[in-house]
N, C-alpha and C. Protein backbone atom coordinates (compact mmCIF):
# COMPACT_ATOMS: atom_id res chain seq x y z
N UNK A 1 -4.09 20.13 21.07
CA UNK A 1 -5.38 19.51 20.85
C UNK A 1 -6.45 20.56 20.62
N UNK A 2 -6.35 21.70 21.33
CA UNK A 2 -7.33 22.76 21.14
C UNK A 2 -7.27 23.31 19.72
N UNK A 3 -6.05 23.37 19.15
CA UNK A 3 -5.90 23.85 17.78
C UNK A 3 -6.59 22.93 16.79
N UNK A 4 -6.48 21.62 17.01
CA UNK A 4 -7.14 20.66 16.14
C UNK A 4 -8.65 20.83 16.21
N UNK A 5 -9.18 20.96 17.41
CA UNK A 5 -10.63 21.11 17.57
C UNK A 5 -11.11 22.42 16.95
N UNK A 6 -10.35 23.50 17.12
CA UNK A 6 -10.78 24.78 16.55
C UNK A 6 -10.74 24.73 15.03
N UNK A 7 -9.74 24.05 14.44
CA UNK A 7 -9.68 23.95 12.98
C UNK A 7 -10.76 23.05 12.42
N UNK A 8 -11.15 22.02 13.14
CA UNK A 8 -12.17 21.10 12.65
C UNK A 8 -13.52 21.78 12.58
N UNK A 9 -13.80 22.63 13.54
CA UNK A 9 -15.13 23.23 13.60
C UNK A 9 -15.22 24.60 12.95
N UNK A 10 -14.20 25.01 12.20
CA UNK A 10 -14.36 26.29 11.50
C UNK A 10 -15.08 26.07 10.18
N UNK A 11 -15.64 27.12 9.63
CA UNK A 11 -16.48 27.03 8.45
C UNK A 11 -15.75 26.55 7.21
N UNK A 12 -14.49 26.92 7.07
CA UNK A 12 -13.72 26.53 5.89
C UNK A 12 -13.54 25.02 5.84
N UNK A 13 -13.24 24.42 6.98
CA UNK A 13 -13.05 22.97 7.03
C UNK A 13 -14.34 22.25 6.66
N UNK A 14 -15.45 22.67 7.24
CA UNK A 14 -16.74 22.02 6.96
C UNK A 14 -17.08 22.16 5.48
N UNK A 15 -16.84 23.34 4.92
CA UNK A 15 -17.12 23.56 3.49
C UNK A 15 -16.26 22.64 2.62
N UNK A 16 -14.98 22.51 2.96
CA UNK A 16 -14.10 21.65 2.17
C UNK A 16 -14.50 20.18 2.27
N UNK A 17 -14.93 19.75 3.44
CA UNK A 17 -15.39 18.37 3.60
C UNK A 17 -16.65 18.12 2.77
N UNK A 18 -17.55 19.09 2.75
CA UNK A 18 -18.75 18.95 1.93
C UNK A 18 -18.38 18.84 0.46
N UNK A 19 -17.45 19.68 0.00
CA UNK A 19 -17.02 19.60 -1.40
C UNK A 19 -16.30 18.28 -1.69
N UNK A 20 -15.51 17.79 -0.75
CA UNK A 20 -14.84 16.50 -0.94
C UNK A 20 -15.86 15.38 -1.07
N UNK A 21 -16.93 15.46 -0.30
CA UNK A 21 -18.00 14.46 -0.39
C UNK A 21 -18.68 14.53 -1.75
N UNK A 22 -18.94 15.74 -2.22
CA UNK A 22 -19.59 15.90 -3.53
C UNK A 22 -18.67 15.39 -4.64
N UNK A 23 -17.39 15.71 -4.56
CA UNK A 23 -16.44 15.25 -5.59
C UNK A 23 -16.36 13.72 -5.59
N UNK A 24 -16.27 13.11 -4.44
CA UNK A 24 -16.20 11.65 -4.37
C UNK A 24 -17.45 11.00 -4.93
N UNK A 25 -18.60 11.54 -4.57
CA UNK A 25 -19.85 10.99 -5.08
C UNK A 25 -19.98 11.21 -6.58
N UNK A 26 -19.54 12.36 -7.05
CA UNK A 26 -19.58 12.63 -8.49
C UNK A 26 -18.71 11.67 -9.29
N UNK A 27 -17.50 11.42 -8.82
CA UNK A 27 -16.65 10.48 -9.52
C UNK A 27 -17.16 9.05 -9.40
N UNK A 28 -17.77 8.73 -8.29
CA UNK A 28 -18.37 7.40 -8.15
C UNK A 28 -19.50 7.23 -9.16
N UNK A 29 -20.29 8.27 -9.34
CA UNK A 29 -21.35 8.22 -10.35
C UNK A 29 -20.76 8.10 -11.75
N UNK A 30 -19.68 8.82 -11.99
CA UNK A 30 -19.01 8.75 -13.29
C UNK A 30 -18.45 7.36 -13.56
N UNK A 31 -17.96 6.69 -12.52
CA UNK A 31 -17.40 5.34 -12.65
C UNK A 31 -18.47 4.26 -12.53
N UNK A 32 -19.73 4.63 -12.55
CA UNK A 32 -20.88 3.73 -12.50
C UNK A 32 -20.82 2.83 -11.26
N UNK A 33 -20.59 3.45 -10.12
CA UNK A 33 -20.64 2.74 -8.85
C UNK A 33 -22.10 2.44 -8.53
N UNK A 34 -22.39 1.24 -8.04
CA UNK A 34 -23.78 0.92 -7.70
C UNK A 34 -24.35 1.90 -6.68
N UNK A 35 -25.63 2.14 -6.76
CA UNK A 35 -26.28 3.10 -5.86
C UNK A 35 -26.11 2.73 -4.40
N UNK A 36 -26.11 1.43 -4.14
CA UNK A 36 -26.00 1.00 -2.74
C UNK A 36 -24.63 1.32 -2.14
N UNK A 37 -23.65 1.66 -2.99
CA UNK A 37 -22.31 1.97 -2.50
C UNK A 37 -22.01 3.46 -2.50
N UNK A 38 -22.91 4.28 -2.97
CA UNK A 38 -22.64 5.72 -3.03
C UNK A 38 -22.48 6.34 -1.65
N UNK A 39 -23.25 5.88 -0.69
CA UNK A 39 -23.11 6.45 0.66
C UNK A 39 -21.74 6.12 1.24
N UNK A 40 -21.23 4.93 0.94
CA UNK A 40 -19.90 4.54 1.44
C UNK A 40 -18.82 5.39 0.78
N UNK A 41 -18.99 5.65 -0.51
CA UNK A 41 -18.02 6.49 -1.22
C UNK A 41 -18.02 7.90 -0.64
N UNK A 42 -19.20 8.45 -0.42
CA UNK A 42 -19.28 9.80 0.15
C UNK A 42 -18.66 9.86 1.54
N UNK A 43 -18.95 8.86 2.36
CA UNK A 43 -18.41 8.82 3.72
C UNK A 43 -16.89 8.65 3.70
N UNK A 44 -16.38 7.75 2.85
CA UNK A 44 -14.94 7.56 2.77
C UNK A 44 -14.23 8.81 2.24
N UNK A 45 -14.85 9.48 1.27
CA UNK A 45 -14.26 10.72 0.75
C UNK A 45 -14.17 11.78 1.83
N UNK A 46 -15.21 11.91 2.63
CA UNK A 46 -15.21 12.89 3.72
C UNK A 46 -14.20 12.53 4.80
N UNK A 47 -14.16 11.25 5.17
CA UNK A 47 -13.21 10.81 6.21
C UNK A 47 -11.77 10.99 5.73
N UNK A 48 -11.48 10.56 4.51
CA UNK A 48 -10.12 10.68 3.98
C UNK A 48 -9.67 12.12 3.89
N UNK A 49 -10.52 12.98 3.35
CA UNK A 49 -10.14 14.39 3.25
C UNK A 49 -9.97 15.01 4.62
N UNK A 50 -10.84 14.66 5.56
CA UNK A 50 -10.74 15.20 6.92
C UNK A 50 -9.43 14.80 7.58
N UNK A 51 -9.07 13.55 7.44
CA UNK A 51 -7.82 13.07 8.04
C UNK A 51 -6.63 13.79 7.41
N UNK A 52 -6.62 13.90 6.09
CA UNK A 52 -5.52 14.59 5.42
C UNK A 52 -5.45 16.05 5.87
N UNK A 53 -6.58 16.71 5.94
CA UNK A 53 -6.61 18.13 6.32
C UNK A 53 -6.10 18.33 7.74
N UNK A 54 -6.59 17.51 8.67
CA UNK A 54 -6.18 17.65 10.07
C UNK A 54 -4.70 17.34 10.24
N UNK A 55 -4.24 16.27 9.60
CA UNK A 55 -2.81 15.94 9.69
C UNK A 55 -1.95 17.03 9.07
N UNK A 56 -2.36 17.52 7.92
CA UNK A 56 -1.57 18.50 7.19
C UNK A 56 -1.50 19.85 7.92
N UNK A 57 -2.58 20.26 8.54
CA UNK A 57 -2.61 21.58 9.15
C UNK A 57 -2.30 21.61 10.64
N UNK A 58 -2.48 20.48 11.33
CA UNK A 58 -2.31 20.53 12.79
C UNK A 58 -1.27 19.55 13.33
N UNK A 59 -1.20 18.36 12.78
CA UNK A 59 -0.34 17.33 13.37
C UNK A 59 1.02 17.29 12.68
N UNK A 60 1.04 17.09 11.38
CA UNK A 60 2.30 16.97 10.65
C UNK A 60 2.76 18.28 10.02
N UNK A 61 1.92 19.27 9.99
CA UNK A 61 2.21 20.63 9.55
C UNK A 61 3.11 20.72 8.33
N UNK A 62 2.51 20.54 7.17
CA UNK A 62 3.22 20.74 5.91
C UNK A 62 3.72 19.47 5.24
N UNK A 63 3.66 18.34 5.89
CA UNK A 63 4.09 17.09 5.27
C UNK A 63 2.93 16.50 4.47
N UNK A 64 2.75 17.02 3.28
CA UNK A 64 1.58 16.66 2.48
C UNK A 64 1.65 15.23 1.98
N UNK A 65 2.84 14.74 1.69
CA UNK A 65 2.97 13.37 1.17
C UNK A 65 2.60 12.37 2.26
N UNK A 66 3.13 12.54 3.44
CA UNK A 66 2.82 11.62 4.54
C UNK A 66 1.35 11.72 4.96
N UNK A 67 0.82 12.93 4.99
CA UNK A 67 -0.60 13.12 5.32
C UNK A 67 -1.50 12.42 4.30
N UNK A 68 -1.15 12.55 3.03
CA UNK A 68 -1.93 11.89 1.97
C UNK A 68 -1.85 10.38 2.09
N UNK A 69 -0.66 9.87 2.43
CA UNK A 69 -0.50 8.42 2.55
C UNK A 69 -1.34 7.86 3.70
N UNK A 70 -1.30 8.52 4.84
CA UNK A 70 -2.07 8.04 6.00
C UNK A 70 -3.57 8.09 5.69
N UNK A 71 -4.02 9.16 5.08
CA UNK A 71 -5.44 9.27 4.74
C UNK A 71 -5.85 8.20 3.73
N UNK A 72 -5.00 7.93 2.73
CA UNK A 72 -5.31 6.89 1.74
C UNK A 72 -5.31 5.51 2.39
N UNK A 73 -4.41 5.28 3.35
CA UNK A 73 -4.41 4.00 4.07
C UNK A 73 -5.71 3.81 4.86
N UNK A 74 -6.17 4.86 5.50
CA UNK A 74 -7.42 4.78 6.25
C UNK A 74 -8.58 4.48 5.29
N UNK A 75 -8.58 5.14 4.14
CA UNK A 75 -9.62 4.86 3.14
C UNK A 75 -9.54 3.42 2.68
N UNK A 76 -8.33 2.91 2.46
CA UNK A 76 -8.19 1.51 2.04
C UNK A 76 -8.67 0.52 3.08
N UNK A 77 -8.34 0.76 4.33
CA UNK A 77 -8.76 -0.14 5.41
C UNK A 77 -10.27 -0.07 5.62
N UNK A 78 -10.80 1.14 5.66
CA UNK A 78 -12.25 1.29 5.81
C UNK A 78 -12.99 0.77 4.58
N UNK A 79 -12.34 0.87 3.43
CA UNK A 79 -12.95 0.33 2.21
C UNK A 79 -13.15 -1.17 2.28
N UNK A 80 -12.21 -1.85 2.91
CA UNK A 80 -12.37 -3.30 3.09
C UNK A 80 -13.52 -3.59 4.05
N UNK A 81 -13.66 -2.76 5.06
CA UNK A 81 -14.77 -2.94 6.00
C UNK A 81 -16.11 -2.70 5.31
N UNK A 82 -16.20 -1.60 4.56
CA UNK A 82 -17.46 -1.28 3.89
C UNK A 82 -17.78 -2.26 2.76
N UNK A 83 -16.77 -2.92 2.23
CA UNK A 83 -17.03 -3.91 1.18
C UNK A 83 -17.88 -5.04 1.72
N UNK A 84 -17.70 -5.39 2.99
CA UNK A 84 -18.54 -6.41 3.62
C UNK A 84 -19.98 -5.92 3.77
N UNK A 85 -20.12 -4.66 4.11
CA UNK A 85 -21.45 -4.13 4.38
C UNK A 85 -22.25 -3.88 3.10
N UNK A 86 -21.57 -3.47 2.03
CA UNK A 86 -22.25 -3.08 0.80
C UNK A 86 -22.23 -4.21 -0.24
N UNK A 87 -21.42 -5.22 0.00
CA UNK A 87 -21.30 -6.38 -0.89
C UNK A 87 -20.82 -5.98 -2.29
N UNK A 88 -19.79 -5.16 -2.32
CA UNK A 88 -19.12 -4.79 -3.57
C UNK A 88 -17.62 -4.82 -3.31
N UNK A 89 -16.82 -4.93 -4.37
CA UNK A 89 -15.36 -4.88 -4.17
C UNK A 89 -14.94 -3.52 -3.62
N UNK A 90 -13.90 -3.49 -2.79
CA UNK A 90 -13.51 -2.22 -2.17
C UNK A 90 -13.05 -1.16 -3.17
N UNK A 91 -12.51 -1.57 -4.29
CA UNK A 91 -12.01 -0.62 -5.29
C UNK A 91 -13.15 0.24 -5.84
N UNK A 92 -14.35 -0.29 -5.82
CA UNK A 92 -15.50 0.43 -6.38
C UNK A 92 -15.72 1.76 -5.66
N UNK A 93 -15.44 1.82 -4.38
CA UNK A 93 -15.64 3.09 -3.69
C UNK A 93 -14.38 3.68 -3.07
N UNK A 94 -13.27 2.96 -3.04
CA UNK A 94 -12.05 3.57 -2.51
C UNK A 94 -11.39 4.49 -3.54
N UNK A 95 -11.41 4.11 -4.79
CA UNK A 95 -10.79 4.97 -5.81
C UNK A 95 -11.52 6.29 -5.95
N UNK A 96 -12.86 6.32 -6.10
CA UNK A 96 -13.53 7.64 -6.14
C UNK A 96 -13.35 8.42 -4.84
N UNK A 97 -13.21 7.74 -3.72
CA UNK A 97 -13.05 8.44 -2.44
C UNK A 97 -11.69 9.12 -2.32
N UNK A 98 -10.69 8.60 -2.99
CA UNK A 98 -9.35 9.16 -2.88
C UNK A 98 -9.08 10.22 -3.96
N UNK A 99 -9.95 10.33 -4.94
CA UNK A 99 -9.73 11.28 -6.03
C UNK A 99 -9.73 12.72 -5.53
N UNK A 100 -10.49 13.01 -4.49
CA UNK A 100 -10.52 14.39 -4.01
C UNK A 100 -9.19 14.84 -3.39
N UNK A 101 -8.26 13.91 -3.19
CA UNK A 101 -6.96 14.27 -2.61
C UNK A 101 -5.87 14.41 -3.67
N UNK A 102 -6.23 14.31 -4.95
CA UNK A 102 -5.24 14.48 -6.03
C UNK A 102 -4.81 15.94 -6.06
N UNK A 103 -3.52 16.19 -6.12
CA UNK A 103 -3.01 17.57 -6.04
C UNK A 103 -3.12 18.31 -7.37
N UNK A 104 -4.28 18.79 -7.69
CA UNK A 104 -4.50 19.47 -8.97
C UNK A 104 -3.73 20.78 -9.10
N UNK A 105 -3.66 21.55 -8.02
CA UNK A 105 -2.96 22.84 -8.07
C UNK A 105 -1.46 22.63 -8.30
N UNK A 106 -0.88 21.65 -7.63
CA UNK A 106 0.55 21.37 -7.83
C UNK A 106 0.82 20.93 -9.27
N UNK A 107 -0.05 20.09 -9.81
CA UNK A 107 0.11 19.64 -11.19
C UNK A 107 0.01 20.78 -12.17
N UNK A 108 -0.95 21.67 -11.94
CA UNK A 108 -1.12 22.83 -12.82
C UNK A 108 0.10 23.74 -12.76
N UNK A 109 0.57 24.05 -11.55
CA UNK A 109 1.74 24.92 -11.41
C UNK A 109 2.99 24.28 -11.99
N UNK A 110 3.12 22.97 -11.86
CA UNK A 110 4.26 22.26 -12.45
C UNK A 110 4.23 22.37 -13.97
N UNK A 111 3.08 22.14 -14.57
CA UNK A 111 2.98 22.20 -16.03
C UNK A 111 3.23 23.62 -16.56
N UNK A 112 2.70 24.62 -15.88
CA UNK A 112 2.95 26.01 -16.28
C UNK A 112 4.44 26.33 -16.16
N UNK A 113 5.08 25.86 -15.08
CA UNK A 113 6.51 26.08 -14.92
C UNK A 113 7.33 25.40 -16.01
N UNK A 114 6.96 24.19 -16.38
CA UNK A 114 7.67 23.49 -17.47
C UNK A 114 7.50 24.24 -18.78
N UNK A 115 6.30 24.73 -19.04
CA UNK A 115 6.06 25.49 -20.27
C UNK A 115 6.93 26.74 -20.30
N UNK A 116 7.04 27.42 -19.16
CA UNK A 116 7.88 28.61 -19.10
C UNK A 116 9.36 28.27 -19.28
N UNK A 117 9.79 27.13 -18.75
CA UNK A 117 11.20 26.74 -18.86
C UNK A 117 11.55 26.40 -20.31
N UNK A 118 10.69 25.65 -20.98
CA UNK A 118 11.04 25.19 -22.33
C UNK A 118 10.72 26.21 -23.42
N UNK A 119 9.92 27.23 -23.11
CA UNK A 119 9.64 28.23 -24.14
C UNK A 119 10.82 29.19 -24.21
N UNK A 120 11.08 29.65 -25.40
CA UNK A 120 12.25 30.49 -25.63
C UNK A 120 11.92 31.97 -25.68
N UNK A 121 10.76 32.33 -25.17
CA UNK A 121 10.38 33.74 -25.17
C UNK A 121 11.12 34.47 -24.05
N UNK A 122 11.49 35.70 -24.33
CA UNK A 122 12.28 36.47 -23.36
C UNK A 122 11.43 37.06 -22.23
N UNK A 123 10.10 36.99 -22.37
CA UNK A 123 9.25 37.57 -21.34
C UNK A 123 9.26 36.78 -20.04
N UNK A 124 9.65 35.52 -20.11
CA UNK A 124 9.71 34.70 -18.90
C UNK A 124 11.12 34.79 -18.33
N UNK A 125 11.20 35.13 -17.06
CA UNK A 125 12.48 35.23 -16.38
C UNK A 125 12.75 33.88 -15.70
N UNK A 126 13.42 32.99 -16.40
CA UNK A 126 13.69 31.66 -15.87
C UNK A 126 15.04 31.68 -15.16
N UNK A 127 14.98 31.53 -13.84
CA UNK A 127 16.19 31.49 -13.04
C UNK A 127 16.34 30.11 -12.43
N UNK A 128 17.48 29.85 -11.84
CA UNK A 128 17.71 28.56 -11.20
C UNK A 128 16.73 28.30 -10.05
N UNK A 129 16.42 29.27 -9.20
CA UNK A 129 15.40 29.01 -8.17
C UNK A 129 14.02 28.68 -8.76
N UNK A 130 13.68 29.30 -9.91
CA UNK A 130 12.40 28.99 -10.55
C UNK A 130 12.38 27.55 -11.05
N UNK A 131 13.49 27.11 -11.64
CA UNK A 131 13.59 25.72 -12.11
C UNK A 131 13.51 24.76 -10.91
N UNK A 132 14.21 25.10 -9.84
CA UNK A 132 14.16 24.27 -8.63
C UNK A 132 12.74 24.17 -8.08
N UNK A 133 12.05 25.31 -7.99
CA UNK A 133 10.67 25.34 -7.48
C UNK A 133 9.74 24.51 -8.37
N UNK A 134 9.92 24.61 -9.68
CA UNK A 134 9.09 23.84 -10.62
C UNK A 134 9.33 22.34 -10.45
N UNK A 135 10.58 21.93 -10.36
CA UNK A 135 10.88 20.51 -10.17
C UNK A 135 10.39 20.01 -8.81
N UNK A 136 10.47 20.85 -7.81
CA UNK A 136 9.97 20.49 -6.48
C UNK A 136 8.46 20.22 -6.53
N UNK A 137 7.72 21.08 -7.22
CA UNK A 137 6.28 20.88 -7.35
C UNK A 137 5.97 19.60 -8.13
N UNK A 138 6.73 19.34 -9.18
CA UNK A 138 6.50 18.13 -9.97
C UNK A 138 6.79 16.86 -9.19
N UNK A 139 7.89 16.85 -8.45
CA UNK A 139 8.23 15.68 -7.64
C UNK A 139 7.22 15.47 -6.53
N UNK A 140 6.82 16.56 -5.88
CA UNK A 140 5.84 16.45 -4.81
C UNK A 140 4.52 15.89 -5.35
N UNK A 141 4.09 16.39 -6.52
CA UNK A 141 2.86 15.89 -7.13
C UNK A 141 2.99 14.40 -7.45
N UNK A 142 4.12 14.01 -8.01
CA UNK A 142 4.34 12.60 -8.34
C UNK A 142 4.32 11.70 -7.12
N UNK A 143 4.97 12.14 -6.06
CA UNK A 143 4.99 11.33 -4.84
C UNK A 143 3.60 11.24 -4.20
N UNK A 144 2.85 12.33 -4.24
CA UNK A 144 1.49 12.28 -3.69
C UNK A 144 0.64 11.29 -4.48
N UNK A 145 0.74 11.33 -5.79
CA UNK A 145 -0.03 10.38 -6.61
C UNK A 145 0.38 8.94 -6.29
N UNK A 146 1.68 8.73 -6.10
CA UNK A 146 2.18 7.39 -5.80
C UNK A 146 1.66 6.90 -4.44
N UNK A 147 1.70 7.76 -3.42
CA UNK A 147 1.26 7.30 -2.10
C UNK A 147 -0.26 7.14 -2.03
N UNK A 148 -1.01 7.88 -2.83
CA UNK A 148 -2.45 7.67 -2.87
C UNK A 148 -2.76 6.28 -3.40
N UNK A 149 -2.09 5.90 -4.48
CA UNK A 149 -2.31 4.56 -5.04
C UNK A 149 -1.81 3.49 -4.07
N UNK A 150 -0.66 3.71 -3.48
CA UNK A 150 -0.10 2.74 -2.54
C UNK A 150 -0.96 2.62 -1.29
N UNK A 151 -1.47 3.74 -0.80
CA UNK A 151 -2.29 3.71 0.41
C UNK A 151 -3.60 2.97 0.23
N UNK A 152 -4.20 3.08 -0.95
CA UNK A 152 -5.46 2.39 -1.20
C UNK A 152 -5.23 0.89 -1.39
N UNK A 153 -4.11 0.51 -2.02
CA UNK A 153 -3.87 -0.90 -2.31
C UNK A 153 -3.14 -1.64 -1.20
N UNK A 154 -2.50 -0.95 -0.28
CA UNK A 154 -1.74 -1.61 0.78
C UNK A 154 -2.59 -2.54 1.65
N UNK A 155 -3.79 -2.13 2.08
CA UNK A 155 -4.59 -3.07 2.88
C UNK A 155 -4.91 -4.37 2.13
N UNK A 156 -5.14 -4.27 0.84
CA UNK A 156 -5.41 -5.48 0.06
C UNK A 156 -4.16 -6.36 0.04
N UNK A 157 -2.99 -5.75 -0.10
CA UNK A 157 -1.75 -6.52 -0.10
C UNK A 157 -1.44 -7.09 1.28
N UNK A 158 -1.70 -6.32 2.33
CA UNK A 158 -1.42 -6.79 3.69
C UNK A 158 -2.28 -7.98 4.08
N UNK A 159 -3.52 -7.92 3.72
CA UNK A 159 -4.44 -8.99 4.09
C UNK A 159 -4.52 -10.06 3.02
N UNK A 160 -3.70 -9.93 1.97
CA UNK A 160 -3.55 -10.95 0.93
C UNK A 160 -4.90 -11.41 0.39
N UNK A 161 -5.70 -10.46 0.00
CA UNK A 161 -7.01 -10.79 -0.52
C UNK A 161 -7.36 -9.86 -1.68
N UNK A 162 -7.92 -10.41 -2.72
CA UNK A 162 -8.36 -9.61 -3.85
C UNK A 162 -9.86 -9.42 -3.83
N UNK A 163 -10.54 -10.22 -3.06
CA UNK A 163 -11.98 -10.10 -2.91
C UNK A 163 -12.30 -10.24 -1.43
N UNK A 164 -13.24 -9.47 -0.98
CA UNK A 164 -13.60 -9.55 0.43
C UNK A 164 -14.84 -10.38 0.66
N UNK A 165 -15.32 -11.00 -0.40
CA UNK A 165 -16.52 -11.82 -0.27
C UNK A 165 -16.20 -13.02 0.62
N UNK A 166 -17.05 -13.28 1.55
CA UNK A 166 -16.93 -14.38 2.50
C UNK A 166 -15.66 -14.29 3.34
N UNK A 167 -15.11 -13.09 3.50
CA UNK A 167 -13.93 -12.92 4.33
C UNK A 167 -14.22 -11.82 5.34
N UNK A 168 -13.86 -12.10 6.57
CA UNK A 168 -14.06 -11.13 7.63
C UNK A 168 -12.69 -10.64 8.07
N UNK A 169 -12.52 -9.35 8.18
CA UNK A 169 -11.24 -8.76 8.54
C UNK A 169 -10.76 -9.27 9.90
N UNK A 170 -11.66 -9.41 10.83
CA UNK A 170 -11.30 -9.90 12.16
C UNK A 170 -10.76 -11.33 12.08
N UNK A 171 -11.42 -12.19 11.31
CA UNK A 171 -10.95 -13.57 11.17
C UNK A 171 -9.60 -13.63 10.46
N UNK A 172 -9.40 -12.78 9.44
CA UNK A 172 -8.11 -12.77 8.74
C UNK A 172 -6.98 -12.39 9.70
N UNK A 173 -7.20 -11.41 10.56
CA UNK A 173 -6.17 -11.01 11.52
C UNK A 173 -5.90 -12.11 12.53
N UNK A 174 -6.95 -12.80 12.98
CA UNK A 174 -6.78 -13.89 13.95
C UNK A 174 -5.99 -15.04 13.33
N UNK A 175 -6.30 -15.41 12.10
CA UNK A 175 -5.58 -16.49 11.41
C UNK A 175 -4.12 -16.12 11.20
N UNK A 176 -3.88 -14.87 10.79
CA UNK A 176 -2.50 -14.42 10.57
C UNK A 176 -1.70 -14.46 11.88
N UNK A 177 -2.34 -14.10 12.99
CA UNK A 177 -1.67 -14.12 14.28
C UNK A 177 -1.32 -15.55 14.69
N UNK A 178 -2.22 -16.51 14.42
CA UNK A 178 -1.95 -17.91 14.73
C UNK A 178 -0.78 -18.43 13.92
N UNK A 179 -0.73 -18.05 12.64
CA UNK A 179 0.40 -18.48 11.78
C UNK A 179 1.72 -17.94 12.30
N UNK A 180 1.72 -16.69 12.74
CA UNK A 180 2.94 -16.10 13.25
C UNK A 180 3.40 -16.79 14.52
N UNK A 181 2.46 -17.18 15.38
CA UNK A 181 2.83 -17.90 16.60
C UNK A 181 3.43 -19.24 16.27
N UNK A 182 2.85 -19.96 15.30
CA UNK A 182 3.39 -21.27 14.90
C UNK A 182 4.78 -21.14 14.31
N UNK A 183 5.01 -20.10 13.51
CA UNK A 183 6.32 -19.91 12.92
C UNK A 183 7.35 -19.50 13.96
N UNK A 184 6.95 -18.76 14.96
CA UNK A 184 7.90 -18.34 15.99
C UNK A 184 8.30 -19.51 16.91
N UNK A 185 7.43 -20.54 17.02
CA UNK A 185 7.75 -21.71 17.83
C UNK A 185 8.75 -22.61 17.15
N UNK A 186 8.81 -22.55 15.82
CA UNK A 186 9.72 -23.44 15.06
C UNK A 186 11.12 -23.01 15.14
């Protein structure tokens, strides 16, 4: 626990969270998110990145796919909550909030590796471990992209709602629990 607290309060973490907030807000502006929802996008971007960073560096240590999925799920669930407060669909601010977790470095390294593999120049030393490393980066990038999309959309699928207008998350959970009790009695 001390390691988590020390990592959270170091300067690098705070700087990365600030940049994640700026990136989320920038993409929200690019996607023409209403002004009243920009604060929610910035907050969700910061929360999602913080959760991913803490899980990746302290709790799950290196499991980037699982860390990204959990952070995207939290963004999706909180997005449904903020949709009630801001009166906009959750997708309006959950998608820009999750963009800061896209693995750009892995994608870049994968593409450079593919270019080196398929080019026939002798200056590149393409060995089997290099091909393995390149494919590993590509698969990891693909899985991260998949879990980001799945994490944001899972709360909508779980609560079986496409719009949060006139729906309260607490009431939806209570109704679902009543249905399960009735089905278990049958």
